[in-house]
Amino acid sequence: MPVTPGARSAFGIGRETTPGTAVAAERFPPFSKFDAQDKPELLIDEGYRGSMASEYGGVLGPAVAEIDMGGPGFVDSLGDLLYNILGDYSVGAADSGVYPHTFGLLNSGTGQPPTHTLIDSQQLTAGTGARVYPYACLSELSLSGNAEGLFEIEAKASSFPSEAAQSAMTNTPTAEQVIPAWRSSVSIAGSPAPNVAEWSVNLERELVVQHTADGTQAPY
């Protein structure tokens, strides 16, 4: 029986040690949407050859991948996305066994956040059943809640063009429970606002996809 695309899909994310070098998944966010597309440019030969034709072939130019993903938000994988788009991360002292994790805009060093590898295990890629998207950088991250629904995340990213995973992803689904949005609370100017039924927080970061003459199709 053939595998139905999407029926056994799973997703992974791992922080890269060397930007652009794919790593194995460390966490497995259960996205309900993962739309990824490789976007190579096609460079056309339009040189005159004494013919009425105007195009005489083409070669692949630079390439990049664009990713649109989202689904219910889980706290054990949300940190990867916040770290990727903001860049600063710290863990505070334990309070009653709970360690506060704080994310903020990185204003030191290069100012650049870490990069991540996104893994799409869709059972279709020959051999390993997965494709990897190295050097993933988020340009948008939206956190939202509707009192009658779930806490949701939406994100957009650019990455190196995808490649077949070197090995199959060992999927370890999260043990966390999905979060209903009614468990959230909203404050305005420090005062509780219990009458808010729907809220959202949107983070955006400008990305510049810079191609160079370095022997590869991927961005610099």
Protein backbone atom coordinates (compact mmCIF):
# COMPACT_ATOMS: atom_id res chain seq x y z
CA MET A 1 0.00 0.00 0.00
CA PRO A 2 1.48 3.40 -0.90
CA VAL A 3 2.24 5.93 1.81
CA THR A 4 -0.27 8.78 1.88
CA PRO A 5 1.63 12.09 1.87
CA GLY A 6 1.07 13.87 5.16
CA ALA A 7 -0.42 10.88 6.97
CA ARG A 8 2.82 10.16 8.85
CA SER A 9 4.42 13.58 8.64
CA ALA A 10 6.51 14.77 11.57
CA PHE A 11 8.76 17.78 12.05
CA GLY A 12 11.97 18.49 13.88
CA ILE A 13 14.15 21.46 14.77
CA GLY A 14 17.75 21.63 15.95
CA ARG A 15 20.10 24.53 16.74
CA GLU A 16 23.12 24.59 14.46
CA THR A 17 26.66 24.67 15.82
CA THR A 18 28.03 25.86 12.47
CA PRO A 19 25.50 28.03 10.58
CA GLY A 20 24.41 26.23 7.43
CA THR A 21 25.56 22.77 8.52
CA ALA A 22 22.50 20.59 9.08
CA VAL A 23 22.05 18.99 12.50
CA ALA A 24 19.73 16.33 13.89
CA ALA A 25 16.43 17.30 15.47
CA GLU A 26 16.46 18.12 19.18
CA ARG A 27 12.75 18.89 19.53
CA PHE A 28 9.71 17.88 17.54
CA PRO A 29 7.08 20.63 17.24
CA PRO A 30 3.78 19.12 16.07
CA PHE A 31 3.09 21.67 13.34
CA SER A 32 -0.22 21.37 11.53
CA LYS A 33 1.19 23.37 8.59
CA PHE A 34 4.64 23.16 7.04
CA ASP A 35 4.67 24.65 3.55
CA ALA A 36 8.23 24.74 2.24
CA GLN A 37 9.34 25.61 -1.28
CA ASP A 38 12.75 25.71 -2.91
CA LYS A 39 13.01 28.77 -5.14
CA PRO A 40 15.93 28.60 -7.60
CA GLU A 41 16.28 31.32 -10.19
CA LEU A 42 16.49 30.36 -13.86
CA LEU A 43 19.10 32.32 -15.85
CA ILE A 44 18.15 32.52 -19.54
CA ASP A 45 20.57 32.73 -22.48
CA GLU A 46 19.15 35.45 -24.77
CA GLY A 47 22.25 35.99 -26.93
CA TYR A 48 21.56 36.59 -30.64
CA ARG A 49 22.37 33.67 -32.92
CA GLY A 50 20.96 34.79 -36.27
CA SER A 51 17.63 33.15 -35.50
CA MET A 52 14.10 34.31 -34.85
CA ALA A 53 14.22 32.59 -31.48
CA SER A 54 14.85 34.77 -28.44
CA GLU A 55 15.87 32.20 -25.84
CA TYR A 56 18.50 29.47 -26.29
CA GLY A 57 18.58 27.65 -22.99
CA GLY A 58 19.04 28.32 -19.33
CA VAL A 59 20.96 27.35 -16.24
CA LEU A 60 20.03 27.33 -12.59
CA GLY A 61 20.99 30.49 -10.74
CA PRO A 62 21.06 31.19 -6.99
CA ALA A 63 18.47 29.48 -4.83
CA VAL A 64 16.78 29.86 -1.47
CA ALA A 65 13.96 28.08 0.36
CA GLU A 66 10.92 29.78 1.85
CA ILE A 67 9.00 28.15 4.70
CA ASP A 68 5.57 28.91 6.15
CA MET A 69 4.72 26.89 9.25
CA GLY A 70 2.34 26.93 12.16
CA GLY A 71 0.02 25.09 14.49
CA PRO A 72 -0.78 24.73 18.18
CA GLY A 73 1.92 26.19 20.43
CA PHE A 74 3.88 23.94 22.79
CA VAL A 75 6.23 25.45 25.35
CA ASP A 76 9.01 22.89 24.87
CA SER A 77 9.62 23.91 21.24
CA LEU A 78 8.51 27.56 21.27
CA GLY A 79 11.88 28.61 22.71
CA ASP A 80 13.71 27.57 19.55
CA LEU A 81 11.59 29.96 17.49
CA LEU A 82 11.96 32.85 19.96
CA TYR A 83 15.72 32.30 20.12
CA ASN A 84 15.95 32.25 16.32
CA ILE A 85 14.15 35.54 15.74
CA LEU A 86 15.41 37.48 18.81
CA GLY A 87 18.90 36.15 19.50
CA ASP A 88 19.32 36.66 23.26
CA TYR A 89 18.54 33.90 25.75
CA SER A 90 19.18 33.31 29.43
CA VAL A 91 18.02 30.96 32.18
CA GLY A 92 17.38 32.40 35.62
CA ALA A 93 17.67 30.90 39.09
CA ALA A 94 15.15 28.26 40.05
CA ASP A 95 12.00 29.39 41.84
CA SER A 96 10.09 26.49 43.45
CA GLY A 97 11.73 24.13 40.98
CA VAL A 98 10.86 26.30 37.96
CA TYR A 99 13.64 27.89 35.90
CA PRO A 100 12.56 31.10 34.12
CA HIS A 101 13.67 31.28 30.47
CA THR A 102 14.05 34.82 29.11
CA PHE A 103 14.35 35.80 25.45
CA GLY A 104 15.20 39.27 24.16
CA LEU A 105 16.71 41.16 21.27
CA LEU A 106 20.45 40.52 20.95
CA ASN A 107 22.37 43.81 21.04
CA SER A 108 25.89 42.47 21.50
CA GLY A 109 28.51 40.81 19.31
CA THR A 110 27.30 40.45 15.73
CA GLY A 111 23.70 40.96 16.77
CA GLN A 112 22.80 37.82 14.83
CA PRO A 113 20.61 35.07 16.35
CA PRO A 114 21.54 31.39 16.04
CA THR A 115 20.43 29.44 12.99
CA HIS A 116 18.43 26.22 13.05
CA THR A 117 17.89 23.19 10.88
CA LEU A 118 14.24 22.40 10.13
CA ILE A 119 13.44 18.79 9.29
CA ASP A 120 10.38 17.71 7.30
CA SER A 121 9.89 13.97 7.75
CA GLN A 122 7.20 13.23 5.17
CA GLN A 123 8.13 9.61 4.28
CA LEU A 124 8.59 10.47 0.60
CA THR A 125 12.28 11.34 0.25
CA ALA A 126 14.11 8.24 -0.98
CA GLY A 127 16.22 6.46 1.62
CA THR A 128 15.61 8.57 4.71
CA GLY A 129 12.04 9.79 4.23
CA ALA A 130 12.96 13.35 5.23
CA ARG A 131 14.31 16.61 3.89
CA VAL A 132 16.32 19.16 5.85
CA TYR A 133 16.35 22.95 5.56
CA PRO A 134 19.66 24.22 6.98
CA TYR A 135 20.40 27.83 7.99
CA ALA A 136 16.76 28.57 8.74
CA CYS A 137 16.23 32.20 9.80
CA LEU A 138 12.83 33.47 10.90
CA SER A 139 11.46 36.68 9.47
CA GLU A 140 8.07 36.54 11.23
CA LEU A 141 6.73 34.92 14.39
CA SER A 142 3.14 35.35 15.57
CA LEU A 143 1.76 34.12 18.88
CA SER A 144 -1.99 34.32 19.28
CA GLY A 145 -4.91 33.09 21.29
CA ASN A 146 -8.67 33.07 21.02
CA ALA A 147 -10.56 32.34 24.24
CA GLU A 148 -12.57 29.64 22.45
CA GLY A 149 -9.55 28.01 20.80
CA LEU A 150 -5.93 27.03 21.30
CA PHE A 151 -2.73 28.95 21.79
CA GLU A 152 -1.35 29.13 18.22
CA ILE A 153 1.94 29.97 16.54
CA GLU A 154 2.66 31.03 12.96
CA ALA A 155 6.13 31.55 11.53
CA LYS A 156 7.87 32.35 8.25
CA ALA A 157 11.51 31.59 7.53
CA SER A 158 14.14 31.55 4.79
CA SER A 159 16.81 28.88 4.58
CA PHE A 160 19.35 27.21 2.35
CA PRO A 161 17.74 25.07 -0.38
CA SER A 162 16.50 21.77 0.99
CA GLU A 163 18.47 18.55 0.74
CA ALA A 164 17.77 14.92 1.54
CA ALA A 165 18.41 14.12 5.18
CA GLN A 166 21.52 12.05 5.80
CA SER A 167 19.55 9.75 8.09
CA ALA A 168 15.93 9.17 9.00
CA MET A 169 14.57 11.41 11.74
CA THR A 170 13.95 9.64 15.05
CA ASN A 171 10.62 11.18 15.91
CA THR A 172 10.06 11.75 19.63
CA PRO A 173 6.69 13.51 19.96
CA THR A 174 6.27 16.03 22.74
CA ALA A 175 4.73 14.85 26.00
CA GLU A 176 3.37 18.36 26.70
CA GLN A 177 -0.36 19.03 26.62
CA VAL A 178 -1.84 21.40 24.08
CA ILE A 179 -2.60 24.81 25.62
CA PRO A 180 -6.12 26.31 25.57
CA ALA A 181 -6.02 30.08 25.07
CA TRP A 182 -8.33 30.71 28.04
CA ARG A 183 -5.38 29.87 30.30
CA SER A 184 -3.59 33.01 29.11
CA SER A 185 -3.91 36.40 30.78
CA VAL A 186 -3.59 39.89 29.35
CA SER A 187 -2.45 43.09 31.04
CA ILE A 188 -2.59 46.61 29.62
CA ALA A 189 -0.19 49.14 31.16
CA GLY A 190 0.29 46.76 34.08
CA SER A 191 -3.41 46.34 34.79
CA PRO A 192 -5.25 43.02 34.19
CA ALA A 193 -7.64 43.07 31.23
CA PRO A 194 -9.92 40.05 31.84
CA ASN A 195 -12.39 41.11 29.11
CA VAL A 196 -9.97 40.42 26.23
CA ALA A 197 -11.25 37.49 24.15
CA GLU A 198 -8.59 37.45 21.44
CA TRP A 199 -4.95 38.60 21.42
CA SER A 200 -1.81 38.32 19.31
CA VAL A 201 1.88 39.24 19.50
CA ASN A 202 3.75 39.67 16.22
CA LEU A 203 7.54 39.74 15.90
CA GLU A 204 9.22 40.64 12.62
CA ARG A 205 12.89 40.66 11.63
CA GLU A 206 14.24 41.96 8.35
CA LEU A 207 16.19 39.33 6.40
CA VAL A 208 18.57 40.07 3.54
CA VAL A 209 19.16 37.05 1.30
CA GLN A 210 22.67 37.84 0.06
CA HIS A 211 24.04 35.77 -2.83
CA THR A 212 27.77 35.80 -3.52
CA ALA A 213 30.21 34.19 -5.96
CA ASP A 214 31.29 31.44 -3.58
CA GLY A 215 30.71 28.37 -5.76
CA THR A 216 27.32 27.45 -4.28
CA GLN A 217 23.70 28.25 -5.13
CA ALA A 218 22.84 28.90 -1.50
CA PRO A 219 22.94 32.40 -0.01
CA TYR A 220 26.07 33.62 1.75
